[in-house]
Amino acid sequence: MVGGFNHNFQYKEQIYHVQTEDSGVKKSQITTLLYSGGTILARHTSSYADIAPGDDLAVVVELRMKEQHKQMLRELKDGCHDERIAAMNAVQPEKQPEKQPEKQPEKQPEKQPAFAKKITAKKKVLSLDELIIAYLSAGR
């Protein structure tokens, strides 16, 4: 079976997402959803239980999925969902201007523990054993 189809579609300066999926032979349903920003605006579900299981089942289901997917895209393009879109936009609060992030005070350099000073003063790469000895000898 085909996993599904996904398309982003720009309509009236907004991006909409159309997704079509096959629920599998047990349910024998094809579902197409139209999303706007994560909100489902429309749903079309159709059954293919009328198709006898056979060699052509996968091909026929894929064709039906493609057609149902294209139909949702056509409906969006033709304005069939404009009323629902307008209602959803009216419910959503107006966007507030984005706040500028507050400036964080500059970090003061942290005091190094004694063992770190000892290590960095040497300016060489230490083995793990040398690092542990330096740490333990610093009296921590």
C-alpha atoms as a PDB file:
ATOM      1  CA  MET A   1       0.000   0.000   0.000  1.00  0.00           C
ATOM      2  CA  VAL A   2       0.998   3.614  -0.506  1.00  0.00           C
ATOM      3  CA  GLY A   3       1.965   5.446   2.675  1.00  0.00           C
ATOM      4  CA  GLY A   4       0.389   8.737   1.731  1.00  0.00           C
ATOM      5  CA  PHE A   5       0.742  12.103   0.056  1.00  0.00           C
ATOM      6  CA  ASN A   6       1.660  15.477   1.569  1.00  0.00           C
ATOM      7  CA  HIS A   7       1.670  18.872  -0.090  1.00  0.00           C
ATOM      8  CA  ASN A   8       2.045  22.432   1.087  1.00  0.00           C
ATOM      9  CA  PHE A   9      -0.039  24.813  -0.986  1.00  0.00           C
ATOM     10  CA  GLN A  10      -0.020  28.612  -0.952  1.00  0.00           C
ATOM     11  CA  TYR A  11      -3.443  30.187  -1.174  1.00  0.00           C
ATOM     12  CA  LYS A  12      -4.242  33.845  -0.453  1.00  0.00           C
ATOM     13  CA  GLU A  13      -0.796  34.481   1.039  1.00  0.00           C
ATOM     14  CA  GLN A  14      -1.079  31.599   3.507  1.00  0.00           C
ATOM     15  CA  ILE A  15       0.412  28.122   3.401  1.00  0.00           C
ATOM     16  CA  TYR A  16      -1.953  25.174   3.787  1.00  0.00           C
ATOM     17  CA  HIS A  17      -1.021  21.531   4.170  1.00  0.00           C
ATOM     18  CA  VAL A  18      -2.934  18.716   2.476  1.00  0.00           C
ATOM     19  CA  GLN A  19      -2.311  15.160   3.681  1.00  0.00           C
ATOM     20  CA  THR A  20      -3.824  11.938   2.356  1.00  0.00           C
ATOM     21  CA  GLU A  21      -3.373   8.559   4.037  1.00  0.00           C
ATOM     22  CA  ASP A  22      -4.561   4.992   3.625  1.00  0.00           C
ATOM     23  CA  SER A  23      -5.717   3.399   6.880  1.00  0.00           C
ATOM     24  CA  GLY A  24      -4.943  -0.086   5.578  1.00  0.00           C
ATOM     25  CA  VAL A  25      -7.003  -3.002   4.363  1.00  0.00           C
ATOM     26  CA  LYS A  26      -8.587  -3.653   7.794  1.00  0.00           C
ATOM     27  CA  LYS A  27     -10.340  -0.256   7.785  1.00  0.00           C
ATOM     28  CA  SER A  28     -10.271   0.229   4.015  1.00  0.00           C
ATOM     29  CA  GLN A  29     -10.438   4.013   4.266  1.00  0.00           C
ATOM     30  CA  ILE A  30      -8.666   6.898   2.626  1.00  0.00           C
ATOM     31  CA  THR A  31      -8.514  10.111   4.659  1.00  0.00           C
ATOM     32  CA  THR A  32      -7.513  13.514   3.344  1.00  0.00           C
ATOM     33  CA  LEU A  33      -6.990  16.414   5.740  1.00  0.00           C
ATOM     34  CA  LEU A  34      -6.557  20.138   5.059  1.00  0.00           C
ATOM     35  CA  TYR A  35      -4.485  21.920   7.700  1.00  0.00           C
ATOM     36  CA  SER A  36      -3.763  25.532   8.466  1.00  0.00           C
ATOM     37  CA  GLY A  37      -1.042  25.984  11.058  1.00  0.00           C
ATOM     38  CA  GLY A  38      -1.748  22.620  12.675  1.00  0.00           C
ATOM     39  CA  THR A  39      -5.540  23.121  12.748  1.00  0.00           C
ATOM     40  CA  ILE A  40      -7.692  20.809  10.647  1.00  0.00           C
ATOM     41  CA  LEU A  41      -9.926  22.878   8.365  1.00  0.00           C
ATOM     42  CA  ALA A  42     -11.462  20.045   6.337  1.00  0.00           C
ATOM     43  CA  ARG A  43     -11.560  16.257   6.230  1.00  0.00           C
ATOM     44  CA  HIS A  44     -12.629  13.869   3.484  1.00  0.00           C
ATOM     45  CA  THR A  45     -12.867  10.159   4.238  1.00  0.00           C
ATOM     46  CA  SER A  46     -13.826   7.540   1.682  1.00  0.00           C
ATOM     47  CA  SER A  47     -14.094   3.774   1.866  1.00  0.00           C
ATOM     48  CA  TYR A  48     -12.627   1.288  -0.547  1.00  0.00           C
ATOM     49  CA  ALA A  49     -14.296  -1.713   1.041  1.00  0.00           C
ATOM     50  CA  ASP A  50     -16.126  -2.185  -2.271  1.00  0.00           C
ATOM     51  CA  ILE A  51     -12.893  -3.290  -3.939  1.00  0.00           C
ATOM     52  CA  ALA A  52     -12.361  -7.026  -3.778  1.00  0.00           C
ATOM     53  CA  PRO A  53      -8.924  -7.906  -2.413  1.00  0.00           C
ATOM     54  CA  GLY A  54      -6.807  -8.893  -5.338  1.00  0.00           C
ATOM     55  CA  ASP A  55      -3.768  -8.124  -7.374  1.00  0.00           C
ATOM     56  CA  ASP A  56      -4.993  -4.662  -8.416  1.00  0.00           C
ATOM     57  CA  LEU A  57      -6.016  -3.483  -4.931  1.00  0.00           C
ATOM     58  CA  ALA A  58      -2.835  -1.479  -4.339  1.00  0.00           C
ATOM     59  CA  VAL A  59      -3.054   0.189  -7.763  1.00  0.00           C
ATOM     60  CA  VAL A  60      -6.749   1.089  -7.392  1.00  0.00           C
ATOM     61  CA  VAL A  61      -6.250   2.426  -3.844  1.00  0.00           C
ATOM     62  CA  GLU A  62      -3.319   4.556  -4.974  1.00  0.00           C
ATOM     63  CA  LEU A  63      -5.382   6.010  -7.827  1.00  0.00           C
ATOM     64  CA  ARG A  64      -8.243   6.816  -5.445  1.00  0.00           C
ATOM     65  CA  MET A  65      -5.830   8.411  -2.978  1.00  0.00           C
ATOM     66  CA  LYS A  66      -4.337  10.605  -5.694  1.00  0.00           C
ATOM     67  CA  GLU A  67      -7.764  11.691  -6.895  1.00  0.00           C
ATOM     68  CA  GLN A  68      -9.030  12.477  -3.391  1.00  0.00           C
ATOM     69  CA  HIS A  69      -5.823  14.403  -2.642  1.00  0.00           C
ATOM     70  CA  LYS A  70      -6.134  16.428  -5.874  1.00  0.00           C
ATOM     71  CA  GLN A  71      -9.807  17.094  -5.126  1.00  0.00           C
ATOM     72  CA  MET A  72      -8.940  18.697  -1.765  1.00  0.00           C
ATOM     73  CA  LEU A  73      -6.294  20.852  -3.465  1.00  0.00           C
ATOM     74  CA  ARG A  74      -8.852  21.900  -6.131  1.00  0.00           C
ATOM     75  CA  GLU A  75     -11.414  22.765  -3.445  1.00  0.00           C
ATOM     76  CA  LEU A  76      -8.892  24.960  -1.647  1.00  0.00           C
ATOM     77  CA  LYS A  77      -7.858  26.682  -4.878  1.00  0.00           C
ATOM     78  CA  ASP A  78     -11.498  27.216  -5.912  1.00  0.00           C
ATOM     79  CA  GLY A  79     -12.386  28.873  -2.591  1.00  0.00           C
ATOM     80  CA  CYS A  80     -14.617  26.082  -1.251  1.00  0.00           C
ATOM     81  CA  HIS A  81     -13.051  26.399   2.204  1.00  0.00           C
ATOM     82  CA  ASP A  82     -12.920  30.207   2.373  1.00  0.00           C
ATOM     83  CA  GLU A  83     -15.787  30.436   4.843  1.00  0.00           C
ATOM     84  CA  ARG A  84     -14.126  27.984   7.232  1.00  0.00           C
ATOM     85  CA  ILE A  85     -10.777  29.763   6.820  1.00  0.00           C
ATOM     86  CA  ALA A  86     -12.380  33.130   7.604  1.00  0.00           C
ATOM     87  CA  ALA A  87     -14.071  31.673  10.684  1.00  0.00           C
ATOM     88  CA  MET A  88     -10.781  30.188  11.911  1.00  0.00           C
ATOM     89  CA  ASN A  89      -8.951  33.486  11.339  1.00  0.00           C
ATOM     90  CA  ALA A  90     -11.655  35.399  13.247  1.00  0.00           C
ATOM     91  CA  VAL A  91     -11.276  33.086  16.252  1.00  0.00           C
ATOM     92  CA  GLN A  92      -7.501  33.405  16.401  1.00  0.00           C
ATOM     93  CA  PRO A  93      -6.277  36.431  18.358  1.00  0.00           C
ATOM     94  CA  GLU A  94      -4.402  39.075  16.431  1.00  0.00           C
ATOM     95  CA  LYS A  95      -0.709  38.558  16.424  1.00  0.00           C
ATOM     96  CA  GLN A  96       1.143  40.752  18.860  1.00  0.00           C
ATOM     97  CA  PRO A  97       4.339  42.358  17.640  1.00  0.00           C
ATOM     98  CA  GLU A  98       7.284  40.225  18.572  1.00  0.00           C
ATOM     99  CA  LYS A  99       9.127  41.352  21.653  1.00  0.00           C
ATOM    100  CA  GLN A 100      12.757  42.099  21.209  1.00  0.00           C
ATOM    101  CA  PRO A 101      14.832  39.870  23.446  1.00  0.00           C
ATOM    102  CA  GLU A 102      16.144  41.652  26.485  1.00  0.00           C
ATOM    103  CA  LYS A 103      19.864  42.178  26.515  1.00  0.00           C
ATOM    104  CA  GLN A 104      21.558  39.830  28.886  1.00  0.00           C
ATOM    105  CA  PRO A 105      24.296  41.258  31.068  1.00  0.00           C
ATOM    106  CA  GLU A 106      27.711  40.148  29.980  1.00  0.00           C
ATOM    107  CA  LYS A 107      28.952  37.128  31.852  1.00  0.00           C
ATOM    108  CA  GLN A 108      31.816  37.693  34.192  1.00  0.00           C
ATOM    109  CA  PRO A 109      34.605  35.201  33.803  1.00  0.00           C
ATOM    110  CA  GLU A 110      34.220  32.461  36.359  1.00  0.00           C
ATOM    111  CA  LYS A 111      36.935  31.904  38.889  1.00  0.00           C
ATOM    112  CA  GLN A 112      38.892  28.837  38.085  1.00  0.00           C
ATOM    113  CA  PRO A 113      39.393  26.268  40.807  1.00  0.00           C
ATOM    114  CA  ALA A 114      42.973  25.759  41.921  1.00  0.00           C
ATOM    115  CA  PHE A 115      43.415  22.498  40.032  1.00  0.00           C
ATOM    116  CA  ALA A 116      42.298  24.169  36.799  1.00  0.00           C
ATOM    117  CA  LYS A 117      44.814  26.975  37.252  1.00  0.00           C
ATOM    118  CA  LYS A 118      47.514  24.407  37.781  1.00  0.00           C
ATOM    119  CA  ILE A 119      46.474  22.572  34.614  1.00  0.00           C
ATOM    120  CA  THR A 120      46.134  25.646  32.402  1.00  0.00           C
ATOM    121  CA  ALA A 121      49.402  27.089  33.668  1.00  0.00           C
ATOM    122  CA  LYS A 122      51.238  24.087  32.267  1.00  0.00           C
ATOM    123  CA  LYS A 123      49.762  24.731  28.777  1.00  0.00           C
ATOM    124  CA  LYS A 124      50.055  21.144  27.699  1.00  0.00           C
ATOM    125  CA  VAL A 125      47.666  18.338  27.081  1.00  0.00           C
ATOM    126  CA  LEU A 126      47.340  16.145  30.148  1.00  0.00           C
ATOM    127  CA  SER A 127      46.510  12.503  30.250  1.00  0.00           C
ATOM    128  CA  LEU A 128      43.476  11.463  32.251  1.00  0.00           C
ATOM    129  CA  ASP A 129      45.729  10.255  35.075  1.00  0.00           C
ATOM    130  CA  GLU A 130      47.569  13.601  35.192  1.00  0.00           C
ATOM    131  CA  LEU A 131      44.252  15.464  35.226  1.00  0.00           C
ATOM    132  CA  ILE A 132      42.965  13.377  38.153  1.00  0.00           C
ATOM    133  CA  ILE A 133      46.198  13.848  40.112  1.00  0.00           C
ATOM    134  CA  ALA A 134      46.075  17.613  39.542  1.00  0.00           C
ATOM    135  CA  TYR A 135      42.475  17.705  40.726  1.00  0.00           C
ATOM    136  CA  LEU A 136      43.169  15.633  43.839  1.00  0.00           C
ATOM    137  CA  SER A 137      46.322  17.539  44.751  1.00  0.00           C
ATOM    138  CA  ALA A 138      44.426  20.838  44.634  1.00  0.00           C
ATOM    139  CA  GLY A 139      42.711  19.826  47.864  1.00  0.00           C
ATOM    140  CA  ARG A 140      39.151  19.580  46.615  1.00  0.00           C
END
